[in-house]
């Protein structure tokens, strides 16, 4: 593997490893036990580190793109860009269904919340009836509708792998938070890519949201 690609690969792997570790309950619990006063700012710092950490990787990606492997043209370019725009619109549309204060960490800071667990209650937005991780799905659409240089293809493969692994790690926490109810949801709705036979109706979604939490034992 050429040196720029090897460096890019190691940078992405390091970033994903640190990001997953900081998002884990184990690390958050470790910080909460030793420095409980830092917990209200944990989510804010986590988000800042995520942005700062990815910036040099994106610089490396576009500075050393390598040979162009394929480029969308003609009707395929219209289709690819149309799908990308639809994915961006999907992200903005679903923003209203998330607790922005919780996601950014502002609510934790404002209310001096020291809890390790997320505070947002179990809910299912319209997008979550079609896929368990809508933002991961939209990100995959954006990634794979771009022209592919050597560096971009490597990044696309690594990011896709991380979304697969990261979604599994995230769902371990969600199962711990919501127990059997989230397991039911996992059985009923596809994980990263919507599937026609795994779509939840509005009635089913309301019934599941209204069901009683049954956390995992232990």
N, C-alpha and C. Protein backbone atom coordinates (compact mmCIF):
# COMPACT_ATOMS: atom_id res chain seq x y z
N UNK A 1 0.85 -1.19 0.00
CA UNK A 1 0.00 0.00 0.00
C UNK A 1 0.89 1.25 0.00
N UNK A 2 0.66 2.20 -0.91
CA UNK A 2 1.46 3.43 -0.94
C UNK A 2 1.40 4.17 0.40
N UNK A 3 2.46 4.89 0.73
CA UNK A 3 2.56 5.56 2.04
C UNK A 3 1.38 6.46 2.36
N UNK A 4 0.93 7.35 1.42
CA UNK A 4 -0.24 8.20 1.76
C UNK A 4 -1.48 7.39 2.11
N UNK A 5 -1.72 6.29 1.39
CA UNK A 5 -2.89 5.47 1.67
C UNK A 5 -2.74 4.75 3.01
N UNK A 6 -1.54 4.30 3.31
CA UNK A 6 -1.30 3.63 4.59
C UNK A 6 -1.53 4.60 5.74
N UNK A 7 -1.03 5.82 5.58
CA UNK A 7 -1.22 6.85 6.60
C UNK A 7 -2.70 7.17 6.77
N UNK A 8 -3.41 7.28 5.66
CA UNK A 8 -4.85 7.55 5.71
C UNK A 8 -5.59 6.41 6.41
N UNK A 9 -5.23 5.19 6.08
CA UNK A 9 -5.86 4.01 6.68
C UNK A 9 -5.63 4.01 8.19
N UNK A 10 -4.41 4.23 8.63
CA UNK A 10 -4.10 4.24 10.06
C UNK A 10 -4.80 5.39 10.78
N UNK A 11 -4.90 6.52 10.08
CA UNK A 11 -5.58 7.68 10.69
C UNK A 11 -7.05 7.38 10.92
N UNK A 12 -7.72 6.79 9.93
CA UNK A 12 -9.13 6.45 10.09
C UNK A 12 -9.32 5.41 11.20
N UNK A 13 -8.49 4.38 11.22
CA UNK A 13 -8.62 3.33 12.23
C UNK A 13 -8.41 3.91 13.63
N UNK A 14 -7.39 4.77 13.77
CA UNK A 14 -7.16 5.41 15.07
C UNK A 14 -8.32 6.27 15.50
N UNK A 15 -8.85 7.02 14.55
CA UNK A 15 -9.99 7.90 14.85
C UNK A 15 -11.20 7.08 15.30
N UNK A 16 -11.50 6.01 14.56
CA UNK A 16 -12.65 5.17 14.91
C UNK A 16 -12.46 4.52 16.28
N UNK A 17 -11.25 4.07 16.57
CA UNK A 17 -10.99 3.41 17.85
C UNK A 17 -11.19 4.39 19.01
N UNK A 18 -10.65 5.59 18.90
CA UNK A 18 -10.78 6.58 19.96
C UNK A 18 -12.24 7.01 20.10
N UNK A 19 -12.92 7.23 18.97
CA UNK A 19 -14.32 7.66 19.00
C UNK A 19 -15.19 6.62 19.69
N UNK A 20 -14.99 5.34 19.35
CA UNK A 20 -15.79 4.27 19.96
C UNK A 20 -15.49 4.14 21.44
N UNK A 21 -14.21 4.28 21.80
CA UNK A 21 -13.84 4.16 23.21
C UNK A 21 -14.49 5.27 24.04
N UNK A 22 -14.42 6.49 23.56
CA UNK A 22 -14.99 7.62 24.29
C UNK A 22 -16.52 7.53 24.39
N UNK A 23 -17.15 6.86 23.41
CA UNK A 23 -18.61 6.71 23.42
C UNK A 23 -19.07 5.55 24.30
N UNK A 24 -18.14 4.71 24.73
CA UNK A 24 -18.50 3.50 25.47
C UNK A 24 -18.91 3.83 26.91
N UNK A 25 -19.78 3.00 27.46
CA UNK A 25 -20.18 3.16 28.84
C UNK A 25 -19.01 2.92 29.79
N UNK A 26 -18.09 2.04 29.40
CA UNK A 26 -16.94 1.73 30.26
C UNK A 26 -16.09 2.97 30.50
N UNK A 27 -15.76 3.70 29.43
CA UNK A 27 -14.93 4.89 29.58
C UNK A 27 -15.70 6.00 30.29
N UNK A 28 -16.96 6.16 29.94
CA UNK A 28 -17.77 7.20 30.60
C UNK A 28 -17.90 6.91 32.10
N UNK A 29 -18.08 5.65 32.44
CA UNK A 29 -18.17 5.28 33.85
C UNK A 29 -16.84 5.54 34.56
N UNK A 30 -15.74 5.23 33.90
CA UNK A 30 -14.40 5.46 34.46
C UNK A 30 -14.19 6.94 34.77
N UNK A 31 -14.60 7.80 33.83
CA UNK A 31 -14.48 9.25 34.04
C UNK A 31 -15.41 9.69 35.16
N UNK A 32 -16.63 9.16 35.18
CA UNK A 32 -17.62 9.57 36.19
C UNK A 32 -17.16 9.22 37.59
N UNK A 33 -16.49 8.08 37.74
CA UNK A 33 -16.03 7.65 39.06
C UNK A 33 -14.87 8.52 39.54
N UNK A 34 -13.94 8.83 38.65
CA UNK A 34 -12.73 9.56 39.04
C UNK A 34 -12.91 11.08 39.03
N UNK A 35 -13.65 11.59 38.04
CA UNK A 35 -13.84 13.04 37.93
C UNK A 35 -15.32 13.35 37.66
N UNK A 36 -16.17 13.11 38.64
CA UNK A 36 -17.62 13.30 38.42
C UNK A 36 -17.97 14.72 37.99
N UNK A 37 -17.17 15.70 38.41
CA UNK A 37 -17.45 17.08 38.03
C UNK A 37 -17.30 17.35 36.55
N UNK A 38 -16.61 16.45 35.83
CA UNK A 38 -16.41 16.64 34.39
C UNK A 38 -17.58 16.12 33.56
N UNK A 39 -18.43 15.30 34.16
CA UNK A 39 -19.48 14.64 33.37
C UNK A 39 -20.46 15.58 32.68
N UNK A 40 -20.86 16.71 33.28
CA UNK A 40 -21.78 17.59 32.55
C UNK A 40 -21.21 18.09 31.23
N UNK A 41 -19.88 18.15 31.12
CA UNK A 41 -19.25 18.63 29.88
C UNK A 41 -18.81 17.49 28.97
N UNK A 42 -19.06 16.25 29.37
CA UNK A 42 -18.51 15.11 28.63
C UNK A 42 -18.98 15.09 27.18
N UNK A 43 -20.27 15.26 26.97
CA UNK A 43 -20.80 15.17 25.61
C UNK A 43 -20.30 16.31 24.74
N UNK A 44 -20.18 17.50 25.31
CA UNK A 44 -19.67 18.63 24.54
C UNK A 44 -18.23 18.37 24.10
N UNK A 45 -17.40 17.91 25.03
CA UNK A 45 -16.00 17.60 24.72
C UNK A 45 -15.92 16.48 23.70
N UNK A 46 -16.77 15.47 23.86
CA UNK A 46 -16.80 14.35 22.92
C UNK A 46 -17.08 14.84 21.50
N UNK A 47 -18.05 15.71 21.34
CA UNK A 47 -18.39 16.23 20.02
C UNK A 47 -17.27 17.10 19.45
N UNK A 48 -16.65 17.91 20.30
CA UNK A 48 -15.54 18.75 19.83
C UNK A 48 -14.37 17.89 19.36
N UNK A 49 -14.05 16.86 20.12
CA UNK A 49 -12.95 15.97 19.74
C UNK A 49 -13.27 15.23 18.44
N UNK A 50 -14.54 14.88 18.24
CA UNK A 50 -14.95 14.20 17.01
C UNK A 50 -14.70 15.09 15.80
N UNK A 51 -15.05 16.37 15.91
CA UNK A 51 -14.85 17.30 14.80
C UNK A 51 -13.38 17.60 14.58
N UNK A 52 -12.67 17.89 15.66
CA UNK A 52 -11.25 18.21 15.55
C UNK A 52 -10.45 17.01 15.05
N UNK A 53 -10.85 15.81 15.46
CA UNK A 53 -10.12 14.62 15.07
C UNK A 53 -10.27 14.27 13.60
N UNK A 54 -11.45 14.53 13.02
CA UNK A 54 -11.68 14.16 11.63
C UNK A 54 -11.13 15.19 10.65
N UNK A 55 -10.90 16.40 11.12
CA UNK A 55 -10.45 17.48 10.23
C UNK A 55 -9.12 17.16 9.53
N UNK A 56 -8.07 16.75 10.25
CA UNK A 56 -6.82 16.44 9.55
C UNK A 56 -6.93 15.23 8.63
N UNK A 57 -7.84 14.31 8.95
CA UNK A 57 -8.03 13.14 8.08
C UNK A 57 -8.64 13.57 6.76
N UNK A 58 -9.64 14.46 6.81
CA UNK A 58 -10.25 14.96 5.58
C UNK A 58 -9.23 15.76 4.76
N UNK A 59 -8.37 16.51 5.45
CA UNK A 59 -7.30 17.24 4.75
C UNK A 59 -6.38 16.27 4.02
N UNK A 60 -6.01 15.19 4.69
CA UNK A 60 -5.15 14.18 4.08
C UNK A 60 -5.84 13.51 2.90
N UNK A 61 -7.13 13.25 3.04
CA UNK A 61 -7.92 12.61 1.98
C UNK A 61 -7.90 13.44 0.71
N UNK A 62 -8.11 14.73 0.83
CA UNK A 62 -8.20 15.58 -0.36
C UNK A 62 -6.84 16.09 -0.83
N UNK A 63 -5.84 16.03 0.04
CA UNK A 63 -4.50 16.44 -0.37
C UNK A 63 -3.82 15.34 -1.20
N UNK A 64 -4.07 14.08 -0.84
CA UNK A 64 -3.45 12.95 -1.54
C UNK A 64 -4.55 12.00 -2.02
N UNK A 65 -5.37 12.41 -3.00
CA UNK A 65 -6.49 11.56 -3.41
C UNK A 65 -6.08 10.32 -4.18
N UNK A 66 -4.93 10.34 -4.84
CA UNK A 66 -4.52 9.21 -5.66
C UNK A 66 -5.26 9.19 -6.98
N UNK A 67 -5.06 8.15 -7.77
CA UNK A 67 -5.71 8.06 -9.09
C UNK A 67 -7.24 8.01 -8.97
N UNK A 68 -7.92 8.60 -9.95
CA UNK A 68 -9.37 8.53 -10.01
C UNK A 68 -9.77 7.15 -10.53
N UNK A 69 -10.58 6.43 -9.77
CA UNK A 69 -10.97 5.07 -10.15
C UNK A 69 -12.24 5.06 -10.98
N UNK A 70 -13.22 5.86 -10.59
CA UNK A 70 -14.39 6.05 -11.44
C UNK A 70 -15.07 7.37 -11.12
N UNK A 71 -15.78 7.88 -12.11
CA UNK A 71 -16.48 9.15 -11.99
C UNK A 71 -17.86 9.01 -12.60
N UNK A 72 -18.88 9.46 -11.89
CA UNK A 72 -20.24 9.39 -12.42
C UNK A 72 -20.39 10.42 -13.55
N UNK A 73 -21.06 10.02 -14.63
CA UNK A 73 -21.26 10.93 -15.75
C UNK A 73 -22.63 10.68 -16.37
N UNK A 74 -23.09 11.66 -17.13
CA UNK A 74 -24.37 11.52 -17.82
C UNK A 74 -25.51 11.32 -16.85
N UNK A 75 -26.42 10.41 -17.20
CA UNK A 75 -27.59 10.17 -16.38
C UNK A 75 -27.21 9.62 -15.01
N UNK A 76 -26.07 8.90 -14.94
CA UNK A 76 -25.62 8.34 -13.67
C UNK A 76 -25.19 9.44 -12.70
N UNK A 77 -24.63 10.52 -13.24
CA UNK A 77 -24.24 11.65 -12.40
C UNK A 77 -25.48 12.32 -11.81
N UNK A 78 -26.52 12.48 -12.64
CA UNK A 78 -27.77 13.06 -12.14
C UNK A 78 -28.37 12.17 -11.04
N UNK A 79 -28.32 10.86 -11.26
CA UNK A 79 -28.87 9.93 -10.28
C UNK A 79 -28.07 9.97 -8.98
N UNK A 80 -26.74 9.93 -9.10
CA UNK A 80 -25.89 9.94 -7.91
C UNK A 80 -26.06 11.22 -7.12
N UNK A 81 -26.04 12.35 -7.81
CA UNK A 81 -26.18 13.63 -7.11
C UNK A 81 -27.59 13.81 -6.56
N UNK A 82 -28.57 13.28 -7.26
CA UNK A 82 -29.94 13.34 -6.75
C UNK A 82 -30.09 12.55 -5.46
N UNK A 83 -29.48 11.36 -5.42
CA UNK A 83 -29.52 10.55 -4.21
C UNK A 83 -28.78 11.25 -3.06
N UNK A 84 -27.65 11.88 -3.39
CA UNK A 84 -26.89 12.59 -2.37
C UNK A 84 -27.70 13.75 -1.79
N UNK A 85 -28.36 14.51 -2.66
CA UNK A 85 -29.19 15.63 -2.19
C UNK A 85 -30.36 15.11 -1.34
N UNK A 86 -30.93 13.99 -1.75
CA UNK A 86 -32.03 13.41 -0.98
C UNK A 86 -31.53 12.98 0.41
N UNK A 87 -30.30 12.46 0.47
CA UNK A 87 -29.74 12.05 1.76
C UNK A 87 -29.51 13.26 2.66
N UNK A 88 -29.00 14.36 2.09
CA UNK A 88 -28.80 15.58 2.87
C UNK A 88 -30.15 16.09 3.37
N UNK A 89 -31.15 16.09 2.50
CA UNK A 89 -32.49 16.52 2.90
C UNK A 89 -33.03 15.62 4.01
N UNK A 90 -32.74 14.32 3.91
CA UNK A 90 -33.19 13.38 4.93
C UNK A 90 -32.60 13.69 6.29
N UNK A 91 -31.31 14.05 6.31
CA UNK A 91 -30.67 14.41 7.57
C UNK A 91 -31.35 15.63 8.18
N UNK A 92 -31.55 16.67 7.38
CA UNK A 92 -32.17 17.89 7.89
C UNK A 92 -33.62 17.64 8.32
N UNK A 93 -34.32 16.80 7.57
CA UNK A 93 -35.71 16.49 7.92
C UNK A 93 -35.81 15.78 9.26
N UNK A 94 -34.86 14.87 9.52
CA UNK A 94 -34.92 14.09 10.75
C UNK A 94 -34.36 14.83 11.96
N UNK A 95 -33.72 15.97 11.75
CA UNK A 95 -33.18 16.74 12.87
C UNK A 95 -34.27 17.08 13.88
N UNK A 96 -35.49 17.31 13.39
CA UNK A 96 -36.58 17.70 14.28
C UNK A 96 -36.98 16.58 15.23
N UNK A 97 -36.58 15.34 14.90
CA UNK A 97 -36.97 14.20 15.71
C UNK A 97 -35.92 13.84 16.76
N UNK A 98 -34.83 14.61 16.83
CA UNK A 98 -33.80 14.36 17.82
C UNK A 98 -33.79 15.49 18.84
N UNK A 99 -33.37 15.16 20.04
CA UNK A 99 -33.20 16.16 21.08
C UNK A 99 -31.84 16.82 20.86
N UNK A 100 -31.85 18.00 20.23
CA UNK A 100 -30.60 18.67 19.89
C UNK A 100 -29.77 19.00 21.11
N UNK A 101 -30.44 19.42 22.20
CA UNK A 101 -29.70 19.74 23.41
C UNK A 101 -29.00 18.53 23.99
N UNK A 102 -29.66 17.38 23.94
CA UNK A 102 -29.06 16.13 24.42
C UNK A 102 -27.91 15.71 23.52
N UNK A 103 -28.13 15.77 22.21
CA UNK A 103 -27.12 15.32 21.25
C UNK A 103 -25.84 16.17 21.34
N UNK A 104 -26.01 17.48 21.46
CA UNK A 104 -24.85 18.39 21.52
C UNK A 104 -24.21 18.43 22.91
N UNK A 105 -24.96 18.00 23.91
CA UNK A 105 -24.44 18.04 25.26
C UNK A 105 -24.80 19.31 26.02
N UNK A 106 -25.58 20.19 25.40
CA UNK A 106 -25.91 21.46 26.04
C UNK A 106 -26.84 21.26 27.23
N UNK A 107 -27.77 20.32 27.10
CA UNK A 107 -28.70 20.09 28.21
C UNK A 107 -27.98 19.51 29.42
N UNK A 108 -27.04 18.58 29.17
CA UNK A 108 -26.27 18.00 30.26
C UNK A 108 -25.46 19.08 30.99
N UNK A 109 -24.89 20.00 30.20
CA UNK A 109 -24.10 21.07 30.79
C UNK A 109 -24.98 22.06 31.55
N UNK A 110 -26.08 22.43 30.94
CA UNK A 110 -26.97 23.43 31.54
C UNK A 110 -27.57 22.93 32.86
N UNK A 111 -27.95 21.63 32.89
CA UNK A 111 -28.59 21.07 34.07
C UNK A 111 -27.61 20.35 34.99
N UNK A 112 -26.31 20.43 34.64
CA UNK A 112 -25.25 19.79 35.44
C UNK A 112 -25.55 18.30 35.67
N UNK A 113 -25.90 17.62 34.58
CA UNK A 113 -26.22 16.19 34.66
C UNK A 113 -24.93 15.38 34.67
N UNK A 114 -24.78 14.53 35.67
CA UNK A 114 -23.57 13.72 35.80
C UNK A 114 -23.79 12.26 35.42
N UNK A 115 -24.98 11.92 34.99
CA UNK A 115 -25.31 10.54 34.66
C UNK A 115 -24.49 10.05 33.47
N UNK A 116 -24.07 8.79 33.55
CA UNK A 116 -23.34 8.16 32.45
C UNK A 116 -24.28 7.82 31.30
N UNK A 117 -25.50 7.48 31.63
CA UNK A 117 -26.48 7.07 30.63
C UNK A 117 -27.06 8.27 29.88
N UNK A 118 -27.47 8.02 28.64
CA UNK A 118 -28.17 9.05 27.88
C UNK A 118 -29.51 9.34 28.55
N UNK A 119 -29.97 10.58 28.43
CA UNK A 119 -31.19 11.00 29.12
C UNK A 119 -32.44 10.89 28.24
N UNK A 120 -32.25 10.78 26.93
CA UNK A 120 -33.39 10.78 26.01
C UNK A 120 -34.18 9.49 26.13
N UNK A 121 -35.48 9.60 26.24
CA UNK A 121 -36.34 8.43 26.36
C UNK A 121 -36.47 7.71 25.02
N UNK A 122 -36.90 6.45 25.09
CA UNK A 122 -37.10 5.65 23.89
C UNK A 122 -38.22 6.25 23.04
N UNK A 123 -37.92 6.54 21.78
CA UNK A 123 -38.94 7.02 20.86
C UNK A 123 -38.56 6.59 19.45
N UNK A 124 -39.53 6.58 18.56
CA UNK A 124 -39.31 6.17 17.17
C UNK A 124 -39.83 7.28 16.26
N UNK A 125 -38.93 7.92 15.55
CA UNK A 125 -39.32 8.93 14.57
C UNK A 125 -39.86 8.23 13.32
N UNK A 126 -40.48 8.94 12.39
CA UNK A 126 -40.93 8.32 11.15
C UNK A 126 -39.80 7.60 10.42
N UNK A 127 -38.61 8.18 10.41
CA UNK A 127 -37.48 7.53 9.72
C UNK A 127 -37.08 6.23 10.39
N UNK A 128 -37.22 6.17 11.71
CA UNK A 128 -36.84 4.96 12.44
C UNK A 128 -37.79 3.80 12.19
N UNK A 129 -38.91 4.06 11.58
CA UNK A 129 -39.79 2.95 11.21
C UNK A 129 -39.25 2.18 10.00
N UNK A 130 -38.32 2.80 9.27
CA UNK A 130 -37.77 2.19 8.06
C UNK A 130 -36.37 1.63 8.26
N UNK A 131 -35.61 2.24 9.16
CA UNK A 131 -34.24 1.79 9.40
C UNK A 131 -33.83 2.23 10.81
N UNK A 132 -33.08 1.39 11.50
CA UNK A 132 -32.75 1.68 12.89
C UNK A 132 -31.76 2.84 13.04
N UNK A 133 -30.94 3.05 12.02
CA UNK A 133 -29.92 4.11 12.09
C UNK A 133 -30.02 5.00 10.85
N UNK A 134 -31.01 5.91 10.84
CA UNK A 134 -31.23 6.73 9.64
C UNK A 134 -30.01 7.56 9.23
N UNK A 135 -29.31 8.16 10.19
CA UNK A 135 -28.17 9.00 9.83
C UNK A 135 -27.02 8.18 9.26
N UNK A 136 -26.83 6.97 9.74
CA UNK A 136 -25.81 6.10 9.15
C UNK A 136 -26.19 5.77 7.70
N UNK A 137 -27.48 5.49 7.50
CA UNK A 137 -27.93 5.18 6.14
C UNK A 137 -27.72 6.36 5.21
N UNK A 138 -28.12 7.55 5.63
CA UNK A 138 -27.93 8.74 4.79
C UNK A 138 -26.45 8.98 4.52
N UNK A 139 -25.61 8.74 5.52
CA UNK A 139 -24.17 8.92 5.34
C UNK A 139 -23.62 7.93 4.31
N UNK A 140 -24.10 6.70 4.35
CA UNK A 140 -23.66 5.71 3.37
C UNK A 140 -24.05 6.11 1.95
N UNK A 141 -25.25 6.66 1.79
CA UNK A 141 -25.68 7.14 0.48
C UNK A 141 -24.75 8.24 -0.01
N UNK A 142 -24.44 9.20 0.88
CA UNK A 142 -23.54 10.30 0.50
C UNK A 142 -22.16 9.77 0.12
N UNK A 143 -21.65 8.85 0.89
CA UNK A 143 -20.30 8.33 0.64
C UNK A 143 -20.21 7.62 -0.71
N UNK A 144 -21.15 6.74 -0.97
CA UNK A 144 -21.05 5.89 -2.16
C UNK A 144 -21.61 6.52 -3.43
N UNK A 145 -22.11 7.75 -3.35
CA UNK A 145 -22.53 8.45 -4.57
C UNK A 145 -21.49 9.46 -5.03
N UNK A 146 -20.31 9.47 -4.39
CA UNK A 146 -19.24 10.38 -4.79
C UNK A 146 -18.34 9.73 -5.83
N UNK A 147 -17.65 10.56 -6.61
CA UNK A 147 -16.62 10.05 -7.50
C UNK A 147 -15.54 9.39 -6.63
N UNK A 148 -14.98 8.30 -7.11
CA UNK A 148 -14.08 7.52 -6.28
C UNK A 148 -12.63 7.61 -6.74
N UNK A 149 -11.83 8.31 -5.95
CA UNK A 149 -10.38 8.23 -6.11
C UNK A 149 -9.91 7.05 -5.27
N UNK A 150 -8.64 6.75 -5.35
CA UNK A 150 -8.09 5.65 -4.57
C UNK A 150 -8.27 5.90 -3.07
N UNK A 151 -7.98 7.15 -2.65
CA UNK A 151 -8.10 7.48 -1.23
C UNK A 151 -9.56 7.50 -0.79
N UNK A 152 -10.45 7.98 -1.67
CA UNK A 152 -11.86 8.03 -1.31
C UNK A 152 -12.45 6.63 -1.19
N UNK A 153 -12.05 5.72 -2.05
CA UNK A 153 -12.55 4.36 -1.98
C UNK A 153 -12.10 3.69 -0.69
N UNK A 154 -10.83 3.88 -0.33
CA UNK A 154 -10.34 3.33 0.93
C UNK A 154 -11.14 3.90 2.09
N UNK A 155 -11.36 5.20 2.09
CA UNK A 155 -12.12 5.84 3.16
C UNK A 155 -13.55 5.33 3.19
N UNK A 156 -14.17 5.16 2.02
CA UNK A 156 -15.54 4.68 1.95
C UNK A 156 -15.67 3.28 2.55
N UNK A 157 -14.72 2.42 2.23
CA UNK A 157 -14.74 1.06 2.77
C UNK A 157 -14.57 1.08 4.28
N UNK A 158 -13.62 1.88 4.77
CA UNK A 158 -13.38 1.95 6.21
C UNK A 158 -14.56 2.56 6.95
N UNK A 159 -15.15 3.61 6.39
CA UNK A 159 -16.30 4.24 7.04
C UNK A 159 -17.49 3.29 7.06
N UNK A 160 -17.69 2.55 5.98
CA UNK A 160 -18.79 1.58 5.94
C UNK A 160 -18.59 0.51 7.00
N UNK A 161 -17.36 0.02 7.10
CA UNK A 161 -17.06 -0.99 8.12
C UNK A 161 -17.31 -0.43 9.52
N UNK A 162 -16.94 0.83 9.71
CA UNK A 162 -17.13 1.43 11.03
C UNK A 162 -18.62 1.61 11.35
N UNK A 163 -19.41 1.99 10.36
CA UNK A 163 -20.84 2.12 10.60
C UNK A 163 -21.44 0.77 11.01
N UNK A 164 -20.97 -0.29 10.39
CA UNK A 164 -21.47 -1.62 10.74
C UNK A 164 -21.10 -1.97 12.18
N UNK A 165 -19.80 -1.82 12.49
CA UNK A 165 -19.32 -2.15 13.84
C UNK A 165 -19.88 -1.16 14.86
N UNK A 166 -19.84 0.13 14.53
CA UNK A 166 -20.30 1.14 15.46
C UNK A 166 -21.77 1.02 15.79
N UNK A 167 -22.58 0.64 14.80
CA UNK A 167 -24.01 0.47 15.07
C UNK A 167 -24.25 -0.68 16.04
N UNK A 168 -23.44 -1.73 15.92
CA UNK A 168 -23.58 -2.86 16.85
C UNK A 168 -23.20 -2.44 18.27
N UNK A 169 -22.11 -1.68 18.40
CA UNK A 169 -21.69 -1.21 19.72
C UNK A 169 -22.75 -0.27 20.32
N UNK A 170 -23.28 0.60 19.49
CA UNK A 170 -24.31 1.52 19.95
C UNK A 170 -25.54 0.77 20.43
N UNK A 171 -25.88 -0.30 19.73
CA UNK A 171 -27.09 -1.04 20.09
C UNK A 171 -26.92 -1.85 21.36
N UNK A 172 -25.68 -2.18 21.71
CA UNK A 172 -25.47 -2.81 23.02
C UNK A 172 -25.92 -1.88 24.14
N UNK A 173 -25.60 -0.60 23.99
CA UNK A 173 -26.03 0.38 25.00
C UNK A 173 -27.54 0.53 24.98
N UNK A 174 -28.13 0.58 23.79
CA UNK A 174 -29.57 0.76 23.69
C UNK A 174 -30.33 -0.43 24.27
N UNK A 175 -29.79 -1.62 24.11
CA UNK A 175 -30.41 -2.79 24.72
C UNK A 175 -30.32 -2.70 26.24
N UNK A 176 -29.17 -2.21 26.74
CA UNK A 176 -29.02 -2.06 28.18
C UNK A 176 -30.00 -1.01 28.71
N UNK A 177 -30.24 0.06 27.93
CA UNK A 177 -31.17 1.10 28.35
C UNK A 177 -32.62 0.63 28.29
N UNK A 178 -32.98 -0.04 27.19
CA UNK A 178 -34.39 -0.31 26.90
C UNK A 178 -34.77 -1.79 26.87
N UNK A 179 -33.78 -2.66 27.01
CA UNK A 179 -34.03 -4.09 27.17
C UNK A 179 -34.82 -4.74 26.04
N UNK A 180 -35.82 -5.53 26.44
CA UNK A 180 -36.58 -6.34 25.49
C UNK A 180 -37.29 -5.50 24.45
N UNK A 181 -37.66 -4.29 24.82
CA UNK A 181 -38.37 -3.43 23.88
C UNK A 181 -37.47 -3.10 22.68
N UNK A 182 -36.20 -2.83 22.94
CA UNK A 182 -35.30 -2.53 21.81
C UNK A 182 -35.00 -3.80 21.03
N UNK A 183 -34.92 -4.93 21.69
CA UNK A 183 -34.71 -6.20 20.96
C UNK A 183 -35.86 -6.45 20.00
N UNK A 184 -37.08 -6.16 20.43
CA UNK A 184 -38.23 -6.30 19.54
C UNK A 184 -38.08 -5.39 18.32
N UNK A 185 -37.64 -4.18 18.57
CA UNK A 185 -37.43 -3.22 17.49
C UNK A 185 -36.38 -3.72 16.51
N UNK A 186 -35.29 -4.30 17.01
CA UNK A 186 -34.23 -4.82 16.15
C UNK A 186 -34.74 -5.94 15.23
N UNK A 187 -35.60 -6.77 15.77
CA UNK A 187 -36.16 -7.86 14.97
C UNK A 187 -37.08 -7.32 13.88
N UNK A 188 -37.77 -6.25 14.19
CA UNK A 188 -38.81 -5.75 13.29
C UNK A 188 -38.28 -4.84 12.19
N UNK A 189 -37.18 -4.09 12.44
CA UNK A 189 -36.71 -3.06 11.51
C UNK A 189 -35.25 -3.30 11.16
N UNK A 190 -34.91 -3.08 9.88
CA UNK A 190 -33.54 -3.30 9.40
C UNK A 190 -32.56 -2.31 10.05
N UNK A 191 -31.27 -2.68 10.08
CA UNK A 191 -30.28 -1.90 10.78
C UNK A 191 -29.74 -0.70 10.03
N UNK A 192 -29.09 -0.90 8.89
CA UNK A 192 -28.42 0.18 8.18
C UNK A 192 -29.04 0.53 6.84
N UNK A 193 -29.64 -0.45 6.19
CA UNK A 193 -30.24 -0.24 4.87
C UNK A 193 -31.71 -0.67 4.93
N UNK A 194 -32.64 0.20 4.59
CA UNK A 194 -34.07 -0.16 4.65
C UNK A 194 -34.38 -1.37 3.78
N UNK A 195 -35.21 -2.26 4.31
CA UNK A 195 -35.66 -3.44 3.58
C UNK A 195 -37.18 -3.44 3.53
N UNK A 196 -37.78 -3.67 2.36
CA UNK A 196 -39.24 -3.56 2.22
C UNK A 196 -40.01 -4.45 3.17
N UNK A 197 -39.46 -5.59 3.53
CA UNK A 197 -40.18 -6.53 4.40
C UNK A 197 -39.88 -6.29 5.89
N UNK A 198 -39.10 -5.25 6.20
CA UNK A 198 -38.79 -4.96 7.61
C UNK A 198 -39.10 -3.49 7.89
N UNK A 199 -40.35 -3.12 7.69
CA UNK A 199 -40.80 -1.75 7.92
C UNK A 199 -41.92 -1.78 8.97
N UNK A 200 -41.84 -0.88 9.93
CA UNK A 200 -42.83 -0.83 10.99
C UNK A 200 -43.92 0.18 10.67
N UNK A 201 -45.15 -0.18 10.85
CA UNK A 201 -46.25 0.74 10.61
C UNK A 201 -46.34 1.76 11.74
N UNK A 202 -47.00 2.90 11.49
CA UNK A 202 -47.17 3.89 12.58
C UNK A 202 -47.84 3.30 13.81
N UNK A 203 -48.81 2.43 13.59
CA UNK A 203 -49.52 1.81 14.72
C UNK A 203 -48.58 0.93 15.53
N UNK A 204 -47.76 0.15 14.83
CA UNK A 204 -46.80 -0.72 15.52
C UNK A 204 -45.77 0.11 16.29
N UNK A 205 -45.33 1.21 15.69
CA UNK A 205 -44.35 2.07 16.35
C UNK A 205 -44.93 2.67 17.63
N UNK A 206 -46.15 3.16 17.55
CA UNK A 206 -46.78 3.75 18.74
C UNK A 206 -46.95 2.71 19.84
N UNK A 207 -47.32 1.50 19.46
CA UNK A 207 -47.51 0.43 20.45
C UNK A 207 -46.18 0.08 21.13
N UNK A 208 -45.11 0.03 20.35
CA UNK A 208 -43.81 -0.32 20.92
C UNK A 208 -43.29 0.80 21.83
N UNK A 209 -43.47 2.05 21.42
CA UNK A 209 -43.04 3.18 22.24
C UNK A 209 -43.83 3.20 23.56
N UNK A 210 -45.09 2.83 23.48
CA UNK A 210 -45.93 2.86 24.67
C UNK A 210 -45.74 1.66 25.59
N UNK A 211 -44.98 0.64 25.12
CA UNK A 211 -44.75 -0.54 25.94
C UNK A 211 -43.84 -0.19 27.10
N UNK A 212 -43.91 -0.97 28.16
CA UNK A 212 -43.10 -0.73 29.35
C UNK A 212 -41.67 -1.16 29.12
N UNK A 213 -40.74 -0.34 29.63
CA UNK A 213 -39.32 -0.70 29.54
C UNK A 213 -39.09 -1.99 30.31
N UNK A 214 -38.21 -2.83 29.72
CA UNK A 214 -37.81 -4.05 30.40
C UNK A 214 -36.30 -4.19 30.26
N UNK A 215 -35.52 -3.43 31.06
CA UNK A 215 -34.07 -3.41 30.91
C UNK A 215 -33.45 -4.78 31.03
N UNK A 216 -32.27 -4.93 30.45
CA UNK A 216 -31.54 -6.18 30.56
C UNK A 216 -31.13 -6.41 32.01
N UNK A 217 -31.13 -7.67 32.46
CA UNK A 217 -30.73 -7.95 33.85
C UNK A 217 -29.27 -7.63 34.09
N UNK A 218 -28.95 -7.28 35.29
CA UNK A 218 -27.55 -7.02 35.66
C UNK A 218 -27.17 -5.60 35.47
